[in-house]
Amino acid sequence: MTRVAAVDCGTNSIRLLVADLDPATGAMTELDRRMTIVRLGQGVDKTGRLAPEALERTFAACREYAAVIAEHGAERVRFVATSASRDAENRADFVAGVLGILGVEPEVVTGDQEAEFSFTGATRELPGHEERLVVDIGGGSTEFVVGRAHVEAARSVDIGCVRLTERHIRTDPPAEPELAAVRADIESALDLAEKTVPLRRAETLVGLAGSVTTVAAIALGLDRYDWSAIHHARIPYATVESITHRLAGATHDERAAIPVMHPGRVDVIVAGALVLLAIMNRAGAREVVVSEHDILDGIAYKVAEEIEAERSRG
């Protein structure tokens, strides 16, 4: 077994996984998994820059994660940064800050790399070899990947719960013209994704990340967030549709009162749910299989494989 640490820094949240992995069998023993809402992408769509307060929130989380990694004695750390830091003019400030705290330089990956990590993490433990469409709905972008054992087609498009909320939603609850503008952006992005990825062909839709898991937790009627209940839950289309309409018609306080709603997701969950519903419509999916394993797990598997390859070379 190889002990590794993986950090995934997205537009809305930063997450850590420390685990022991066996690359040969795919077995994983999870030692620590945590998530912090830092909203790194605050205002990036409008200004093109990472806000100072967003950087400081992110660096504070990095300091916490550095202590956890040291406590567990991970052999190697890999830090992957996604949509917000790809878009920012001042991403050098972000890179320098992370390097100073964690001792590793963040990799600002491409959308295609992000998609491959997500696919590996989401499907490694799923039984069978049917074709799957994996969708990772993030804060700034959404990744679409189709494949069986390996990625066959992938595309990242700039629709995410934070980006869409900042672009279009101004009132509480959102007004219908605002919701219509969000839907229009989503449909345009799906048209773009479909030029590369056959969204309607896969037998199974697998959904990743906080918007999907939050909708699933609501669908399951949980009174607290329960990873084990959510992981691999199957949520029917009609249920996703009903929850999306409920969230879109609710005020900020009403959404905040939902027991499983993370405080950092209250103001962006409407856009995230709309993305999920539109994808299910486009794909003709009767249900979504929810996975708590995603890009973070894919990063960890990749690090362990690289270490094993280095060992085998002597």
Protein backbone atom coordinates (compact mmCIF):
# COMPACT_ATOMS: atom_id res chain seq x y z
CA MET A 1 0.00 0.00 0.00
CA THR A 2 1.15 3.54 -0.80
CA ARG A 3 0.13 6.51 1.36
CA VAL A 4 -0.64 9.64 -0.64
CA ALA A 5 -2.39 12.97 -0.22
CA ALA A 6 -4.48 14.59 -2.93
CA VAL A 7 -5.82 18.14 -2.90
CA ASP A 8 -8.46 19.35 -5.35
CA CYS A 9 -8.92 23.11 -5.42
CA GLY A 10 -11.93 24.18 -7.45
CA THR A 11 -13.93 27.35 -7.91
CA ASN A 12 -16.12 26.85 -4.84
CA SER A 13 -14.35 24.40 -2.55
CA ILE A 14 -10.98 22.89 -1.67
CA ARG A 15 -10.83 19.24 -0.64
CA LEU A 16 -8.28 16.87 0.82
CA LEU A 17 -7.95 13.08 0.66
CA VAL A 18 -5.26 11.14 2.51
CA ALA A 19 -5.38 7.44 1.72
CA ASP A 20 -3.47 4.18 1.47
CA LEU A 21 -3.81 2.75 -2.04
CA ASP A 22 -2.90 -0.45 -3.83
CA PRO A 23 -2.57 0.57 -7.51
CA ALA A 24 -2.62 -3.07 -8.64
CA THR A 25 -6.03 -3.88 -7.16
CA GLY A 26 -7.54 -0.41 -6.84
CA ALA A 27 -8.07 -0.99 -3.10
CA MET A 28 -8.24 2.22 -1.09
CA THR A 29 -8.16 2.74 2.67
CA GLU A 30 -9.31 6.26 3.39
CA LEU A 31 -7.53 7.95 6.30
CA ASP A 32 -8.90 11.49 6.07
CA ARG A 33 -11.29 13.27 3.69
CA ARG A 34 -12.45 16.82 4.22
CA MET A 35 -13.91 19.76 2.33
CA THR A 36 -13.86 23.52 2.93
CA ILE A 37 -15.91 26.08 1.02
CA VAL A 38 -13.45 28.86 0.11
CA ARG A 39 -15.10 30.36 -3.00
CA LEU A 40 -11.75 30.85 -4.73
CA GLY A 41 -13.60 31.81 -7.90
CA GLN A 42 -15.35 34.77 -6.27
CA GLY A 43 -15.73 37.40 -9.00
CA VAL A 44 -13.32 35.71 -11.46
CA ASP A 45 -15.90 35.57 -14.24
CA LYS A 46 -16.30 39.37 -14.01
CA THR A 47 -12.82 40.62 -13.05
CA GLY A 48 -10.51 37.93 -14.40
CA ARG A 49 -8.61 37.97 -11.09
CA LEU A 50 -8.60 36.02 -7.83
CA ALA A 51 -9.86 38.29 -5.04
CA PRO A 52 -7.44 38.86 -2.09
CA GLU A 53 -10.03 37.63 0.43
CA ALA A 54 -10.66 34.50 -1.67
CA LEU A 55 -6.94 33.76 -1.75
CA GLU A 56 -6.67 34.17 2.01
CA ARG A 57 -9.60 31.80 2.64
CA THR A 58 -7.91 29.26 0.39
CA PHE A 59 -4.51 29.64 2.07
CA ALA A 60 -6.12 29.21 5.51
CA ALA A 61 -7.56 25.89 4.37
CA CYS A 62 -4.17 24.90 2.94
CA ARG A 63 -2.55 25.52 6.31
CA GLU A 64 -5.10 23.24 7.97
CA TYR A 65 -4.54 20.56 5.32
CA ALA A 66 -0.75 20.79 5.69
CA ALA A 67 -1.10 19.83 9.36
CA VAL A 68 -3.30 16.84 8.50
CA ILE A 69 -0.90 15.63 5.79
CA ALA A 70 2.05 15.89 8.17
CA GLU A 71 0.16 14.02 10.87
CA HIS A 72 -0.52 11.07 8.54
CA GLY A 73 2.95 11.08 6.97
CA ALA A 74 1.86 10.94 3.32
CA GLU A 75 4.63 9.82 0.97
CA ARG A 76 3.68 12.33 -1.70
CA VAL A 77 1.26 15.23 -2.14
CA ARG A 78 -0.38 16.30 -5.38
CA PHE A 79 -2.32 19.54 -5.60
CA VAL A 80 -4.60 20.02 -8.58
CA ALA A 81 -6.27 23.35 -9.31
CA THR A 82 -9.17 23.62 -11.68
CA SER A 83 -11.44 26.17 -13.28
CA ALA A 84 -11.00 29.39 -11.29
CA SER A 85 -7.21 29.32 -11.30
CA ARG A 86 -7.13 28.54 -15.03
CA ASP A 87 -9.03 31.75 -15.70
CA ALA A 88 -7.23 34.16 -13.36
CA GLU A 89 -4.67 36.74 -14.44
CA ASN A 90 -3.00 36.67 -11.01
CA ARG A 91 -2.75 32.91 -10.67
CA ALA A 92 1.00 33.34 -9.90
CA ASP A 93 -0.04 34.69 -6.47
CA PHE A 94 -2.09 31.56 -5.91
CA VAL A 95 0.76 29.26 -7.00
CA ALA A 96 3.30 31.01 -4.75
CA GLY A 97 0.99 30.86 -1.73
CA VAL A 98 0.27 27.15 -2.08
CA LEU A 99 3.93 26.33 -2.66
CA GLY A 100 4.91 28.20 0.47
CA ILE A 101 2.37 26.39 2.64
CA LEU A 102 2.32 22.83 1.27
CA GLY A 103 5.71 22.62 -0.40
CA VAL A 104 4.22 21.55 -3.73
CA GLU A 105 3.31 23.64 -6.73
CA PRO A 106 -0.34 23.43 -7.73
CA GLU A 107 -0.93 21.92 -11.15
CA VAL A 108 -3.38 24.05 -13.08
CA VAL A 109 -4.80 21.22 -15.13
CA THR A 110 -6.66 21.44 -18.40
CA GLY A 111 -10.33 20.63 -18.60
CA ASP A 112 -9.53 17.36 -20.34
CA GLN A 113 -7.13 16.31 -17.56
CA GLU A 114 -9.75 17.24 -14.98
CA ALA A 115 -12.26 15.07 -16.81
CA GLU A 116 -9.93 12.08 -16.86
CA PHE A 117 -9.26 12.32 -13.13
CA SER A 118 -12.99 12.54 -12.46
CA PHE A 119 -13.77 9.52 -14.62
CA THR A 120 -11.10 7.39 -12.95
CA GLY A 121 -12.22 8.34 -9.45
CA ALA A 122 -15.92 7.83 -10.16
CA THR A 123 -15.79 4.54 -12.06
CA ARG A 124 -12.81 2.62 -10.62
CA GLU A 125 -14.99 0.70 -8.13
CA LEU A 126 -18.24 0.47 -10.11
CA PRO A 127 -19.15 -3.06 -11.24
CA GLY A 128 -19.68 -3.96 -14.89
CA HIS A 129 -18.30 -2.43 -18.05
CA GLU A 130 -21.26 -0.60 -19.55
CA GLU A 131 -20.67 2.76 -21.18
CA ARG A 132 -21.00 5.57 -18.65
CA LEU A 133 -21.43 9.32 -18.91
CA VAL A 134 -19.69 10.94 -15.94
CA VAL A 135 -20.56 14.57 -15.19
CA ASP A 136 -18.69 16.64 -12.63
CA ILE A 137 -20.64 19.81 -11.88
CA GLY A 138 -18.20 22.25 -10.33
CA GLY A 139 -18.28 25.89 -9.35
CA GLY A 140 -16.84 27.30 -12.56
CA SER A 141 -17.05 24.47 -15.06
CA THR A 142 -18.65 21.11 -15.73
CA GLU A 143 -16.77 18.13 -17.11
CA PHE A 144 -18.37 15.51 -19.33
CA VAL A 145 -16.68 12.15 -19.88
CA VAL A 146 -17.89 9.08 -21.73
CA GLY A 147 -16.13 5.74 -21.51
CA ARG A 148 -16.12 2.14 -20.39
CA ALA A 149 -12.84 1.06 -18.77
CA HIS A 150 -11.12 4.16 -20.15
CA VAL A 151 -12.03 7.65 -21.32
CA GLU A 152 -13.36 7.66 -24.87
CA ALA A 153 -14.40 11.33 -25.10
CA ALA A 154 -14.21 14.29 -22.74
CA ARG A 155 -15.08 17.98 -22.72
CA SER A 156 -15.05 20.75 -20.14
CA VAL A 157 -17.43 23.68 -20.54
CA ASP A 158 -17.75 26.89 -18.54
CA ILE A 159 -20.98 26.25 -16.69
CA GLY A 160 -20.77 25.83 -12.94
CA CYS A 161 -22.93 26.74 -9.97
CA VAL A 162 -20.84 29.76 -8.92
CA ARG A 163 -20.24 31.12 -12.42
CA LEU A 164 -23.93 30.89 -13.39
CA THR A 165 -25.12 32.37 -10.10
CA GLU A 166 -22.78 35.35 -10.36
CA ARG A 167 -23.76 35.93 -13.98
CA HIS A 168 -27.51 35.84 -13.66
CA ILE A 169 -29.10 35.57 -10.20
CA ARG A 170 -29.79 38.83 -8.39
CA THR A 171 -33.11 38.35 -6.55
CA ASP A 172 -34.30 36.11 -3.72
CA PRO A 173 -35.85 33.80 -4.69
CA PRO A 174 -34.54 33.95 -8.27
CA ALA A 175 -36.91 35.61 -10.72
CA GLU A 176 -38.09 33.62 -13.73
CA PRO A 177 -36.10 35.74 -16.25
CA GLU A 178 -32.95 35.04 -14.23
CA LEU A 179 -33.69 31.30 -14.21
CA ALA A 180 -34.37 31.45 -17.95
CA ALA A 181 -30.97 33.09 -18.51
CA VAL A 182 -29.26 30.34 -16.48
CA ARG A 183 -31.07 27.66 -18.50
CA ALA A 184 -30.10 29.33 -21.78
CA ASP A 185 -26.42 29.37 -20.79
CA ILE A 186 -26.63 25.71 -19.80
CA GLU A 187 -28.26 24.66 -23.08
CA SER A 188 -25.62 26.52 -25.11
CA ALA A 189 -22.87 24.80 -23.14
CA LEU A 190 -24.51 21.40 -23.63
CA ASP A 191 -24.60 22.05 -27.37
CA LEU A 192 -20.87 22.73 -27.19
CA ALA A 193 -20.14 19.63 -25.08
CA GLU A 194 -22.17 17.45 -27.42
CA LYS A 195 -19.87 18.31 -30.31
CA THR A 196 -17.20 16.23 -28.55
CA VAL A 197 -19.01 13.92 -26.13
CA PRO A 198 -22.00 11.74 -27.15
CA LEU A 199 -24.22 12.75 -24.25
CA ARG A 200 -27.19 10.60 -25.33
CA ARG A 201 -25.35 7.31 -25.94
CA ALA A 202 -24.24 6.07 -22.51
CA GLU A 203 -26.24 3.51 -20.55
CA THR A 204 -25.54 5.05 -17.14
CA LEU A 205 -25.28 8.66 -15.94
CA VAL A 206 -22.90 9.15 -13.00
CA GLY A 207 -23.05 12.49 -11.19
CA LEU A 208 -20.26 14.00 -9.08
CA ALA A 209 -19.57 16.94 -6.78
CA GLY A 210 -21.48 19.03 -4.29
CA SER A 211 -24.50 20.10 -6.31
CA VAL A 212 -25.28 16.48 -7.17
CA THR A 213 -24.64 15.08 -3.69
CA THR A 214 -26.73 17.84 -2.10
CA VAL A 215 -29.69 17.09 -4.37
CA ALA A 216 -29.24 13.40 -3.55
CA ALA A 217 -29.18 14.08 0.20
CA ILE A 218 -32.42 16.06 -0.10
CA ALA A 219 -33.98 13.29 -2.21
CA LEU A 220 -33.07 10.71 0.41
CA GLY A 221 -34.68 12.79 3.16
CA LEU A 222 -31.54 12.84 5.29
CA ASP A 223 -31.52 14.92 8.45
CA ARG A 224 -27.73 15.15 8.28
CA TYR A 225 -25.18 14.60 5.55
CA ASP A 226 -24.40 10.86 5.36
CA TRP A 227 -21.66 9.91 2.91
CA SER A 228 -22.46 6.19 3.05
CA ALA A 229 -26.15 6.73 2.22
CA ILE A 230 -25.42 9.08 -0.67
CA HIS A 231 -22.59 7.11 -2.32
CA HIS A 232 -24.02 5.11 -5.25
CA ALA A 233 -27.59 6.22 -4.54
CA ARG A 234 -29.82 6.22 -7.61
CA ILE A 235 -32.01 9.32 -7.87
CA PRO A 236 -34.85 9.26 -10.44
CA TYR A 237 -35.34 12.07 -12.94
CA ALA A 238 -38.75 13.03 -11.52
CA THR A 239 -37.22 13.48 -8.06
CA VAL A 240 -34.41 15.69 -9.38
CA GLU A 241 -36.98 17.76 -11.27
CA SER A 242 -39.16 18.19 -8.17
CA ILE A 243 -36.22 19.19 -5.94
CA THR A 244 -34.90 21.65 -8.54
CA HIS A 245 -38.27 23.39 -8.74
CA ARG A 246 -38.48 23.48 -4.93
CA LEU A 247 -35.01 25.02 -4.60
CA ALA A 248 -35.63 27.58 -7.35
CA GLY A 249 -38.82 28.76 -5.62
CA ALA A 250 -37.29 28.98 -2.16
CA THR A 251 -35.71 31.96 -0.45
CA HIS A 252 -32.13 31.96 0.79
CA ASP A 253 -33.33 31.33 4.35
CA GLU A 254 -35.59 28.48 3.27
CA ARG A 255 -32.74 26.77 1.43
CA ALA A 256 -30.42 27.35 4.40
CA ALA A 257 -32.95 25.60 6.66
CA ILE A 258 -32.66 22.32 4.73
CA PRO A 259 -30.75 20.07 7.18
CA VAL A 260 -28.20 18.75 4.66
CA MET A 261 -27.46 22.11 3.03
CA HIS A 262 -23.87 23.26 3.52
CA PRO A 263 -23.82 26.99 4.36
CA GLY A 264 -21.40 27.64 1.50
CA ARG A 265 -23.75 26.06 -1.02
CA VAL A 266 -26.99 27.85 -0.14
CA ASP A 267 -26.67 30.64 -2.70
CA VAL A 268 -25.39 28.47 -5.59
CA ILE A 269 -27.42 25.25 -5.31
CA VAL A 270 -30.21 26.50 -7.58
CA ALA A 271 -27.83 26.91 -10.52
CA GLY A 272 -26.16 23.57 -9.72
CA ALA A 273 -29.48 21.73 -9.64
CA LEU A 274 -30.52 23.36 -12.93
CA VAL A 275 -27.31 22.07 -14.54
CA LEU A 276 -27.99 18.52 -13.32
CA LEU A 277 -31.61 18.59 -14.50
CA ALA A 278 -30.64 19.92 -17.94
CA ILE A 279 -27.98 17.22 -18.34
CA MET A 280 -30.48 14.49 -17.45
CA ASN A 281 -32.91 15.95 -19.99
CA ARG A 282 -30.29 16.08 -22.72
CA ALA A 283 -28.97 12.59 -21.98
CA GLY A 284 -32.44 11.08 -21.67
CA ALA A 285 -31.39 9.71 -18.27
CA ARG A 286 -34.11 8.14 -16.14
CA GLU A 287 -31.86 8.38 -13.07
CA VAL A 288 -28.47 9.58 -11.90
CA VAL A 289 -26.05 7.35 -10.01
CA VAL A 290 -24.41 9.56 -7.37
CA SER A 291 -20.74 9.04 -6.58
CA GLU A 292 -18.86 10.48 -3.64
CA HIS A 293 -15.66 9.34 -5.36
CA ASP A 294 -14.56 11.82 -7.97
CA ILE A 295 -11.60 13.88 -9.18
CA LEU A 296 -10.00 13.72 -5.73
CA ASP A 297 -9.90 9.92 -5.81
CA GLY A 298 -8.67 9.98 -9.40
CA ILE A 299 -5.76 12.23 -8.40
CA ALA A 300 -4.86 9.89 -5.51
CA TYR A 301 -4.89 6.81 -7.77
CA LYS A 302 -2.65 8.57 -10.28
CA VAL A 303 -0.11 9.56 -7.61
CA ALA A 304 0.03 6.00 -6.25
CA GLU A 305 0.52 4.58 -9.76
CA GLU A 306 3.39 7.01 -10.40
CA ILE A 307 5.11 6.03 -7.14
CA GLU A 308 4.75 2.31 -7.93
CA ALA A 309 6.15 2.88 -11.43
CA GLU A 310 9.17 4.68 -9.96
CA ARG A 311 9.76 1.81 -7.52
CA SER A 312 9.57 -0.79 -10.27
CA ARG A 313 12.20 1.10 -12.29
CA GLY A 314 14.46 0.71 -9.29
